[in-house]
Amino acid sequence: MAIDPREKIALFIDGANLYATSKAIGIDIDYRKLLAEFGAKAYLLRANYYTALVEDQEYSSIRPLIDWLDYNGYTVVTKPAKEFTDSMGRRKVKGNMDIELTVDALEQAPYYDHMVLFSGDGDFTALVASLQRRGKRVTVVSTLTTQTPMISDELRRQADFFLDVAELAKTVGRPQVQKPVEV
């Protein structure tokens, strides 16, 4: 990882994207180790985690993670997910956090030197270019190890550095916990 120890870094985590990426490569992220890993490399200014939540559910499987992150050094940004029925009559949930992440990254840019973006979403290419024009360095964290890459080619080319989640998982990952099958 090409992070200068004198830099102030900020992590911006697209929660849904990192979740999909880690599941695709068969690991779970240990978020305590993730903070320690980046905190050991430079001055970790902030770690932001973005996710949409389905509000009307009695229990959300992501709620324990959100609560843990909130109490353990992460700034958690959420908004209600939108539910709708598509043209085929299927219930869909949409909860894109790209705008919130982008606005925060630009507003916080005067305070950090290096942004670490956990997402492979090509929609962030313009954000990365904008930050680079402001003199910021940007590392994008995603993966190329899946059958179809989880990172857009444009985003990977725009970033100053690319870090594969599969490589990062060697220090901050753990095998996925297999839930017992109920019979």
Foldseek 3Di string as FASTA:
>chain_A
DPDAQAWEEEEQEAQVQLVVQQVLVFWDFQVLLVCVVVVVRYPHPAYEYEDEAAPPDPDDPCVVVQVVQVVRGHHYDYYHWDWDADPVRHIDTHGDCVVVSLVVCVVCLVPTQEYEYEAQDPVCLVSLQVSVVVNHAYEYEGAPPGPHGRHDPSNCVSHPHYHYVVVVCVRGIDGDDDDDDDD
